[in-house]
Amino acid sequence: MERRFRIDLTKIEGDGEFHCPSCGITISPDDYSGLTYSILDVKTKADGRVEEVIVQCGRCGSIISLDGFDAFQDLGCPDSHFGIEAYQFSSGS
């Protein structure tokens, strides 16, 4: 059975890392190894701003939807977290 979770990034502390709600592995935007998570989809708004990123945990396979990007973009943070800048214009909402 596939496990799905939703994490609001505005509700976590730190600089974007969080624990998989199922297995507890730390998922960090600074980890570019491709071992702890993979990006499945990036949903954008009509203006190209990121709305939601869907990742899969590399350990247990859980699907995790990340939202709350508006708060980061309002602060002027770049879309470099989770390596999503390459996806920004390739997916539509």
PDB file of N, CA and C in Angstrom:
ATOM      1  N   MET A   1       0.842  -1.181   0.000  1.00  0.00           N
ATOM      2  CA  MET A   1       0.000   0.000   0.000  1.00  0.00           C
ATOM      3  C   MET A   1       0.891   1.251   0.000  1.00  0.00           C
ATOM      4  N   GLU A   2       0.630   2.129  -0.932  1.00  0.00           N
ATOM      5  CA  GLU A   2       1.412   3.358  -1.046  1.00  0.00           C
ATOM      6  C   GLU A   2       1.009   4.337   0.053  1.00  0.00           C
ATOM      7  N   ARG A   3       2.016   4.902   0.704  1.00  0.00           N
ATOM      8  CA  ARG A   3       1.762   5.876   1.768  1.00  0.00           C
ATOM      9  C   ARG A   3       1.974   7.277   1.218  1.00  0.00           C
ATOM     10  N   ARG A   4       1.003   8.163   1.473  1.00  0.00           N
ATOM     11  CA  ARG A   4       1.067   9.549   1.003  1.00  0.00           C
ATOM     12  C   ARG A   4       0.960  10.488   2.189  1.00  0.00           C
ATOM     13  N   PHE A   5       1.762  11.552   2.134  1.00  0.00           N
ATOM     14  CA  PHE A   5       1.777  12.547   3.199  1.00  0.00           C
ATOM     15  C   PHE A   5       1.845  13.936   2.582  1.00  0.00           C
ATOM     16  N   ARG A   6       1.468  14.940   3.361  1.00  0.00           N
ATOM     17  CA  ARG A   6       1.572  16.340   2.943  1.00  0.00           C
ATOM     18  C   ARG A   6       2.322  17.087   4.035  1.00  0.00           C
ATOM     19  N   ILE A   7       3.319  17.857   3.632  1.00  0.00           N
ATOM     20  CA  ILE A   7       4.096  18.661   4.572  1.00  0.00           C
ATOM     21  C   ILE A   7       4.042  20.110   4.132  1.00  0.00           C
ATOM     22  N   ASP A   8       3.655  20.973   5.057  1.00  0.00           N
ATOM     23  CA  ASP A   8       3.641  22.418   4.823  1.00  0.00           C
ATOM     24  C   ASP A   8       4.995  22.951   5.277  1.00  0.00           C
ATOM     25  N   LEU A   9       5.792  23.414   4.338  1.00  0.00           N
ATOM     26  CA  LEU A   9       7.146  23.876   4.649  1.00  0.00           C
ATOM     27  C   LEU A   9       7.167  25.087   5.579  1.00  0.00           C
ATOM     28  N   THR A  10       6.077  25.814   5.671  1.00  0.00           N
ATOM     29  CA  THR A  10       6.037  26.964   6.587  1.00  0.00           C
ATOM     30  C   THR A  10       5.926  26.512   8.041  1.00  0.00           C
ATOM     31  N   LYS A  11       5.617  25.231   8.253  1.00  0.00           N
ATOM     32  CA  LYS A  11       5.434  24.715   9.609  1.00  0.00           C
ATOM     33  C   LYS A  11       6.657  23.971  10.149  1.00  0.00           C
ATOM     34  N   ILE A  12       7.725  23.892   9.356  1.00  0.00           N
ATOM     35  CA  ILE A  12       8.923  23.204   9.829  1.00  0.00           C
ATOM     36  C   ILE A  12      10.000  24.229  10.153  1.00  0.00           C
ATOM     37  N   GLU A  13      10.899  23.850  11.046  1.00  0.00           N
ATOM     38  CA  GLU A  13      12.007  24.723  11.410  1.00  0.00           C
ATOM     39  C   GLU A  13      13.238  24.351  10.594  1.00  0.00           C
ATOM     40  N   GLY A  14      14.174  25.272  10.517  1.00  0.00           N
ATOM     41  CA  GLY A  14      15.409  25.002   9.798  1.00  0.00           C
ATOM     42  C   GLY A  14      15.365  25.553   8.393  1.00  0.00           C
ATOM     43  N   ASP A  15      16.234  25.011   7.532  1.00  0.00           N
ATOM     44  CA  ASP A  15      16.314  25.530   6.172  1.00  0.00           C
ATOM     45  C   ASP A  15      15.826  24.529   5.143  1.00  0.00           C
ATOM     46  N   GLY A  16      14.690  23.916   5.417  1.00  0.00           N
ATOM     47  CA  GLY A  16      14.043  23.079   4.421  1.00  0.00           C
ATOM     48  C   GLY A  16      14.139  21.592   4.635  1.00  0.00           C
ATOM     49  N   GLU A  17      14.957  21.141   5.574  1.00  0.00           N
ATOM     50  CA  GLU A  17      15.033  19.696   5.774  1.00  0.00           C
ATOM     51  C   GLU A  17      13.900  19.246   6.695  1.00  0.00           C
ATOM     52  N   PHE A  18      13.478  18.008   6.492  1.00  0.00           N
ATOM     53  CA  PHE A  18      12.390  17.436   7.288  1.00  0.00           C
ATOM     54  C   PHE A  18      12.596  15.923   7.320  1.00  0.00           C
ATOM     55  N   HIS A  19      11.852  15.261   8.178  1.00  0.00           N
ATOM     56  CA  HIS A  19      11.934  13.803   8.296  1.00  0.00           C
ATOM     57  C   HIS A  19      10.758  13.175   7.560  1.00  0.00           C
ATOM     58  N   CYS A  20      11.015  12.088   6.876  1.00  0.00           N
ATOM     59  CA  CYS A  20       9.938  11.350   6.240  1.00  0.00           C
ATOM     60  C   CYS A  20       8.952  10.946   7.328  1.00  0.00           C
ATOM     61  N   PRO A  21       7.669  11.261   7.154  1.00  0.00           N
ATOM     62  CA  PRO A  21       6.676  10.922   8.177  1.00  0.00           C
ATOM     63  C   PRO A  21       6.524   9.420   8.406  1.00  0.00           C
ATOM     64  N   SER A  22       6.974   8.599   7.466  1.00  0.00           N
ATOM     65  CA  SER A  22       6.824   7.162   7.603  1.00  0.00           C
ATOM     66  C   SER A  22       8.043   6.494   8.228  1.00  0.00           C
ATOM     67  N   CYS A  23       9.226   6.732   7.667  1.00  0.00           N
ATOM     68  CA  CYS A  23      10.413   6.004   8.134  1.00  0.00           C
ATOM     69  C   CYS A  23      11.391   6.864   8.937  1.00  0.00           C
ATOM     70  N   GLY A  24      11.245   8.188   8.892  1.00  0.00           N
ATOM     71  CA  GLY A  24      12.078   9.065   9.706  1.00  0.00           C
ATOM     72  C   GLY A  24      13.386   9.521   9.091  1.00  0.00           C
ATOM     73  N   ILE A  25      13.711   9.074   7.877  1.00  0.00           N
ATOM     74  CA  ILE A  25      14.956   9.511   7.253  1.00  0.00           C
ATOM     75  C   ILE A  25      14.905  11.029   7.029  1.00  0.00           C
ATOM     76  N   THR A  26      16.040  11.683   7.183  1.00  0.00           N
ATOM     77  CA  THR A  26      16.105  13.121   6.955  1.00  0.00           C
ATOM     78  C   THR A  26      16.184  13.394   5.468  1.00  0.00           C
ATOM     79  N   ILE A  27      15.251  14.216   4.990  1.00  0.00           N
ATOM     80  CA  ILE A  27      15.223  14.636   3.590  1.00  0.00           C
ATOM     81  C   ILE A  27      15.611  16.100   3.571  1.00  0.00           C
ATOM     82  N   SER A  28      16.678  16.408   2.851  1.00  0.00           N
ATOM     83  CA  SER A  28      17.238  17.752   2.854  1.00  0.00           C
ATOM     84  C   SER A  28      17.394  18.286   1.442  1.00  0.00           C
ATOM     85  N   PRO A  29      17.074  19.578   1.239  1.00  0.00           N
ATOM     86  CA  PRO A  29      17.300  20.169  -0.081  1.00  0.00           C
ATOM     87  C   PRO A  29      18.783  20.259  -0.441  1.00  0.00           C
ATOM     88  N   ASP A  30      19.662  20.102   0.550  1.00  0.00           N
ATOM     89  CA  ASP A  30      21.105  20.145   0.314  1.00  0.00           C
ATOM     90  C   ASP A  30      21.670  18.794  -0.117  1.00  0.00           C
ATOM     91  N   ASP A  31      20.850  17.749  -0.103  1.00  0.00           N
ATOM     92  CA  ASP A  31      21.291  16.412  -0.477  1.00  0.00           C
ATOM     93  C   ASP A  31      21.028  16.198  -1.965  1.00  0.00           C
ATOM     94  N   TYR A  32      22.077  16.191  -2.756  1.00  0.00           N
ATOM     95  CA  TYR A  32      21.953  16.011  -4.200  1.00  0.00           C
ATOM     96  C   TYR A  32      22.318  14.597  -4.639  1.00  0.00           C
ATOM     97  N   SER A  33      22.433  13.673  -3.674  1.00  0.00           N
ATOM     98  CA  SER A  33      22.867  12.310  -3.991  1.00  0.00           C
ATOM     99  C   SER A  33      21.835  11.520  -4.776  1.00  0.00           C
ATOM    100  N   GLY A  34      20.559  11.873  -4.619  1.00  0.00           N
ATOM    101  CA  GLY A  34      19.507  11.099  -5.261  1.00  0.00           C
ATOM    102  C   GLY A  34      19.161   9.831  -4.511  1.00  0.00           C
ATOM    103  N   LEU A  35      19.768   9.635  -3.338  1.00  0.00           N
ATOM    104  CA  LEU A  35      19.520   8.421  -2.559  1.00  0.00           C
ATOM    105  C   LEU A  35      18.392   8.577  -1.544  1.00  0.00           C
ATOM    106  N   THR A  36      18.258   9.749  -0.943  1.00  0.00           N
ATOM    107  CA  THR A  36      17.259   9.915   0.110  1.00  0.00           C
ATOM    108  C   THR A  36      15.893  10.317  -0.414  1.00  0.00           C
ATOM    109  N   TYR A  37      15.836  10.941  -1.572  1.00  0.00           N
ATOM    110  CA  TYR A  37      14.547  11.298  -2.165  1.00  0.00           C
ATOM    111  C   TYR A  37      14.726  11.508  -3.664  1.00  0.00           C
ATOM    112  N   SER A  38      13.600  11.454  -4.367  1.00  0.00           N
ATOM    113  CA  SER A  38      13.597  11.819  -5.782  1.00  0.00           C
ATOM    114  C   SER A  38      12.388  12.708  -6.026  1.00  0.00           C
ATOM    115  N   ILE A  39      12.535  13.644  -6.941  1.00  0.00           N
ATOM    116  CA  ILE A  39      11.449  14.550  -7.282  1.00  0.00           C
ATOM    117  C   ILE A  39      10.573  13.865  -8.323  1.00  0.00           C
ATOM    118  N   LEU A  40       9.289  13.737  -8.011  1.00  0.00           N
ATOM    119  CA  LEU A  40       8.352  13.113  -8.938  1.00  0.00           C
ATOM    120  C   LEU A  40       7.639  14.143  -9.811  1.00  0.00           C
ATOM    121  N   ASP A  41       7.303  15.297  -9.219  1.00  0.00           N
ATOM    122  CA  ASP A  41       6.554  16.298  -9.967  1.00  0.00           C
ATOM    123  C   ASP A  41       6.712  17.658  -9.300  1.00  0.00           C
ATOM    124  N   VAL A  42       6.624  18.696 -10.108  1.00  0.00           N
ATOM    125  CA  VAL A  42       6.632  20.070  -9.622  1.00  0.00           C
ATOM    126  C   VAL A  42       5.437  20.758 -10.252  1.00  0.00           C
ATOM    127  N   LYS A  43       4.557  21.261  -9.415  1.00  0.00           N
ATOM    128  CA  LYS A  43       3.384  21.981  -9.916  1.00  0.00           C
ATOM    129  C   LYS A  43       3.634  23.476  -9.761  1.00  0.00           C
ATOM    130  N   THR A  44       3.349  24.202 -10.833  1.00  0.00           N
ATOM    131  CA  THR A  44       3.580  25.637 -10.817  1.00  0.00           C
ATOM    132  C   THR A  44       2.279  26.392 -11.038  1.00  0.00           C
ATOM    133  N   LYS A  45       2.306  27.646 -10.626  1.00  0.00           N
ATOM    134  CA  LYS A  45       1.182  28.542 -10.874  1.00  0.00           C
ATOM    135  C   LYS A  45       1.330  29.113 -12.283  1.00  0.00           C
ATOM    136  N   ALA A  46       0.316  29.831 -12.737  1.00  0.00           N
ATOM    137  CA  ALA A  46       0.329  30.404 -14.091  1.00  0.00           C
ATOM    138  C   ALA A  46       1.517  31.336 -14.302  1.00  0.00           C
ATOM    139  N   ASP A  47       1.978  31.993 -13.221  1.00  0.00           N
ATOM    140  CA  ASP A  47       3.101  32.927 -13.343  1.00  0.00           C
ATOM    141  C   ASP A  47       4.456  32.235 -13.236  1.00  0.00           C
ATOM    142  N   GLY A  48       4.454  30.902 -13.127  1.00  0.00           N
ATOM    143  CA  GLY A  48       5.701  30.145 -13.078  1.00  0.00           C
ATOM    144  C   GLY A  48       6.241  29.898 -11.682  1.00  0.00           C
ATOM    145  N   ARG A  49       5.599  30.467 -10.670  1.00  0.00           N
ATOM    146  CA  ARG A  49       6.074  30.233  -9.300  1.00  0.00           C
ATOM    147  C   ARG A  49       5.676  28.831  -8.836  1.00  0.00           C
ATOM    148  N   VAL A  50       6.551  28.228  -8.055  1.00  0.00           N
ATOM    149  CA  VAL A  50       6.319  26.870  -7.567  1.00  0.00           C
ATOM    150  C   VAL A  50       5.170  26.867  -6.567  1.00  0.00           C
ATOM    151  N   GLU A  51       4.257  25.921  -6.771  1.00  0.00           N
ATOM    152  CA  GLU A  51       3.117  25.769  -5.879  1.00  0.00           C
ATOM    153  C   GLU A  51       3.272  24.533  -4.988  1.00  0.00           C
ATOM    154  N   GLU A  52       3.731  23.441  -5.591  1.00  0.00           N
ATOM    155  CA  GLU A  52       3.845  22.174  -4.863  1.00  0.00           C
ATOM    156  C   GLU A  52       4.944  21.330  -5.505  1.00  0.00           C
ATOM    157  N   VAL A  53       5.687  20.626  -4.662  1.00  0.00           N
ATOM    158  CA  VAL A  53       6.685  19.675  -5.138  1.00  0.00           C
ATOM    159  C   VAL A  53       6.335  18.322  -4.530  1.00  0.00           C
ATOM    160  N   ILE A  54       6.327  17.298  -5.365  1.00  0.00           N
ATOM    161  CA  ILE A  54       6.023  15.952  -4.888  1.00  0.00           C
ATOM    162  C   ILE A  54       7.301  15.134  -4.972  1.00  0.00           C
ATOM    163  N   VAL A  55       7.714  14.611  -3.817  1.00  0.00           N
ATOM    164  CA  VAL A  55       8.935  13.808  -3.741  1.00  0.00           C
ATOM    165  C   VAL A  55       8.601  12.409  -3.254  1.00  0.00           C
ATOM    166  N   GLN A  56       9.516  11.490  -3.527  1.00  0.00           N
ATOM    167  CA  GLN A  56       9.371  10.122  -3.037  1.00  0.00           C
ATOM    168  C   GLN A  56      10.560   9.805  -2.152  1.00  0.00           C
ATOM    169  N   CYS A  57      10.281   9.289  -0.972  1.00  0.00           N
ATOM    170  CA  CYS A  57      11.332   8.902  -0.039  1.00  0.00           C
ATOM    171  C   CYS A  57      12.132   7.752  -0.639  1.00  0.00           C
ATOM    172  N   GLY A  58      13.451   7.874  -0.597  1.00  0.00           N
ATOM    173  CA  GLY A  58      14.321   6.848  -1.145  1.00  0.00           C
ATOM    174  C   GLY A  58      14.428   5.608  -0.275  1.00  0.00           C
ATOM    175  N   ARG A  59      14.053   5.717   0.981  1.00  0.00           N
ATOM    176  CA  ARG A  59      14.149   4.561   1.867  1.00  0.00           C
ATOM    177  C   ARG A  59      12.865   3.731   1.851  1.00  0.00           C
ATOM    178  N   CYS A  60      11.710   4.364   2.068  1.00  0.00           N
ATOM    179  CA  CYS A  60      10.474   3.594   2.216  1.00  0.00           C
ATOM    180  C   CYS A  60       9.502   3.747   1.049  1.00  0.00           C
ATOM    181  N   GLY A  61       9.770   4.689   0.142  1.00  0.00           N
ATOM    182  CA  GLY A  61       8.910   4.854  -1.022  1.00  0.00           C
ATOM    183  C   GLY A  61       7.686   5.725  -0.813  1.00  0.00           C
ATOM    184  N   SER A  62       7.545   6.305   0.376  1.00  0.00           N
ATOM    185  CA  SER A  62       6.402   7.171   0.630  1.00  0.00           C
ATOM    186  C   SER A  62       6.396   8.363  -0.319  1.00  0.00           C
ATOM    187  N   ILE A  63       5.206   8.799  -0.694  1.00  0.00           N
ATOM    188  CA  ILE A  63       5.024   9.965  -1.549  1.00  0.00           C
ATOM    189  C   ILE A  63       4.713  11.148  -0.633  1.00  0.00           C
ATOM    190  N   ILE A  64       5.487  12.214  -0.767  1.00  0.00           N
ATOM    191  CA  ILE A  64       5.352  13.372   0.119  1.00  0.00           C
ATOM    192  C   ILE A  64       5.118  14.619  -0.718  1.00  0.00           C
ATOM    193  N   SER A  65       3.975  15.256  -0.511  1.00  0.00           N
ATOM    194  CA  SER A  65       3.644  16.502  -1.195  1.00  0.00           C
ATOM    195  C   SER A  65       4.092  17.660  -0.318  1.00  0.00           C
ATOM    196  N   LEU A  66       4.907  18.524  -0.878  1.00  0.00           N
ATOM    197  CA  LEU A  66       5.423  19.683  -0.150  1.00  0.00           C
ATOM    198  C   LEU A  66       4.722  20.936  -0.655  1.00  0.00           C
ATOM    199  N   ASP A  67       4.162  21.706   0.277  1.00  0.00           N
ATOM    200  CA  ASP A  67       3.601  22.990  -0.117  1.00  0.00           C
ATOM    201  C   ASP A  67       4.059  24.055   0.858  1.00  0.00           C
ATOM    202  N   GLY A  68       3.640  25.282   0.641  1.00  0.00           N
ATOM    203  CA  GLY A  68       4.094  26.391   1.467  1.00  0.00           C
ATOM    204  C   GLY A  68       5.207  27.193   0.815  1.00  0.00           C
ATOM    205  N   PHE A  69       5.417  26.990  -0.487  1.00  0.00           N
ATOM    206  CA  PHE A  69       6.487  27.689  -1.196  1.00  0.00           C
ATOM    207  C   PHE A  69       6.236  29.187  -1.320  1.00  0.00           C
ATOM    208  N   ASP A  70       4.973  29.604  -1.280  1.00  0.00           N
ATOM    209  CA  ASP A  70       4.661  31.034  -1.391  1.00  0.00           C
ATOM    210  C   ASP A  70       5.384  31.849  -0.328  1.00  0.00           C
ATOM    211  N   ALA A  71       5.442  31.323   0.880  1.00  0.00           N
ATOM    212  CA  ALA A  71       6.097  32.048   1.974  1.00  0.00           C
ATOM    213  C   ALA A  71       7.577  32.256   1.677  1.00  0.00           C
ATOM    214  N   PHE A  72       8.235  31.262   1.095  1.00  0.00           N
ATOM    215  CA  PHE A  72       9.652  31.383   0.779  1.00  0.00           C
ATOM    216  C   PHE A  72       9.880  32.354  -0.365  1.00  0.00           C
ATOM    217  N   GLN A  73       9.023  32.304  -1.362  1.00  0.00           N
ATOM    218  CA  GLN A  73       9.169  33.193  -2.504  1.00  0.00           C
ATOM    219  C   GLN A  73       8.850  34.631  -2.123  1.00  0.00           C
ATOM    220  N   ASP A  74       7.918  34.804  -1.184  1.00  0.00           N
ATOM    221  CA  ASP A  74       7.619  36.154  -0.702  1.00  0.00           C
ATOM    222  C   ASP A  74       8.813  36.751   0.029  1.00  0.00           C
ATOM    223  N   LEU A  75       9.668  35.884   0.584  1.00  0.00           N
ATOM    224  CA  LEU A  75      10.875  36.341   1.273  1.00  0.00           C
ATOM    225  C   LEU A  75      12.046  36.517   0.312  1.00  0.00           C
ATOM    226  N   GLY A  76      11.834  36.212  -0.959  1.00  0.00           N
ATOM    227  CA  GLY A  76      12.888  36.356  -1.959  1.00  0.00           C
ATOM    228  C   GLY A  76      13.817  35.163  -2.041  1.00  0.00           C
ATOM    229  N   CYS A  77      13.396  34.007  -1.523  1.00  0.00           N
ATOM    230  CA  CYS A  77      14.234  32.810  -1.588  1.00  0.00           C
ATOM    231  C   CYS A  77      14.172  32.232  -2.997  1.00  0.00           C
ATOM    232  N   PRO A  78      15.299  31.751  -3.525  1.00  0.00           N
ATOM    233  CA  PRO A  78      15.312  31.183  -4.871  1.00  0.00           C
ATOM    234  C   PRO A  78      14.683  29.798  -4.899  1.00  0.00           C
ATOM    235  N   ASP A  79      14.384  29.322  -6.103  1.00  0.00           N
ATOM    236  CA  ASP A  79      13.815  27.991  -6.289  1.00  0.00           C
ATOM    237  C   ASP A  79      14.884  26.912  -6.314  1.00  0.00           C
ATOM    238  N   SER A  80      16.037  27.180  -5.735  1.00  0.00           N
ATOM    239  CA  SER A  80      17.110  26.196  -5.754  1.00  0.00           C
ATOM    240  C   SER A  80      16.903  25.102  -4.721  1.00  0.00           C
ATOM    241  N   HIS A  81      15.990  25.292  -3.749  1.00  0.00           N
ATOM    242  CA  HIS A  81      15.718  24.228  -2.792  1.00  0.00           C
ATOM    243  C   HIS A  81      15.143  23.030  -3.518  1.00  0.00           C
ATOM    244  N   PHE A  82      15.632  21.868  -3.203  1.00  0.00           N
ATOM    245  CA  PHE A  82      15.242  20.599  -3.798  1.00  0.00           C
ATOM    246  C   PHE A  82      15.550  20.536  -5.283  1.00  0.00           C
ATOM    247  N   GLY A  83      16.400  21.419  -5.792  1.00  0.00           N
ATOM    248  CA  GLY A  83      16.792  21.356  -7.191  1.00  0.00           C
ATOM    249  C   GLY A  83      15.634  21.554  -8.142  1.00  0.00           C
ATOM    250  N   ILE A  84      14.647  22.355  -7.761  1.00  0.00           N
ATOM    251  CA  ILE A  84      13.436  22.484  -8.564  1.00  0.00           C
ATOM    252  C   ILE A  84      13.521  23.554  -9.630  1.00  0.00           C
ATOM    253  N   GLU A  85      14.601  24.317  -9.678  1.00  0.00           N
ATOM    254  CA  GLU A  85      14.673  25.386 -10.680  1.00  0.00           C
ATOM    255  C   GLU A  85      14.584  24.833 -12.101  1.00  0.00           C
ATOM    256  N   ALA A  86      15.071  23.651 -12.323  1.00  0.00           N
ATOM    257  CA  ALA A  86      15.017  23.048 -13.655  1.00  0.00           C
ATOM    258  C   ALA A  86      13.598  22.620 -14.020  1.00  0.00           C
ATOM    259  N   TYR A  87      12.758  22.404 -13.021  1.00  0.00           N
ATOM    260  CA  TYR A  87      11.401  21.954 -13.244  1.00  0.00           C
ATOM    261  C   TYR A  87      10.400  23.105 -13.317  1.00  0.00           C
ATOM    262  N   GLN A  88      10.827  24.281 -12.903  1.00  0.00           N
ATOM    263  CA  GLN A  88       9.895  25.382 -12.686  1.00  0.00           C
ATOM    264  C   GLN A  88       8.970  25.640 -13.868  1.00  0.00           C
ATOM    265  N   PHE A  89       9.473  25.602 -15.083  1.00  0.00           N
ATOM    266  CA  PHE A  89       8.633  25.917 -16.222  1.00  0.00           C
ATOM    267  C   PHE A  89       8.231  24.676 -17.012  1.00  0.00           C
ATOM    268  N   SER A  90       8.655  23.508 -16.573  1.00  0.00           N
ATOM    269  CA  SER A  90       8.347  22.304 -17.334  1.00  0.00           C
ATOM    270  C   SER A  90       7.031  21.664 -16.929  1.00  0.00           C
ATOM    271  N   SER A  91       6.493  22.038 -15.766  1.00  0.00           N
ATOM    272  CA  SER A  91       5.245  21.450 -15.291  1.00  0.00           C
ATOM    273  C   SER A  91       4.216  22.542 -15.123  1.00  0.00           C
ATOM    274  N   GLY A  92       3.001  22.241 -15.406  1.00  0.00           N
ATOM    275  CA  GLY A  92       1.923  23.203 -15.218  1.00  0.00           C
ATOM    276  C   GLY A  92       0.953  22.722 -14.177  1.00  0.00           C
ATOM    277  N   SER A  93       0.183  23.659 -13.634  1.00  0.00           N
ATOM    278  CA  SER A  93      -0.806  23.229 -12.640  1.00  0.00           C
ATOM    279  C   SER A  93      -2.177  23.162 -13.242  1.00  0.00           C
TER     280      SER A  93
END
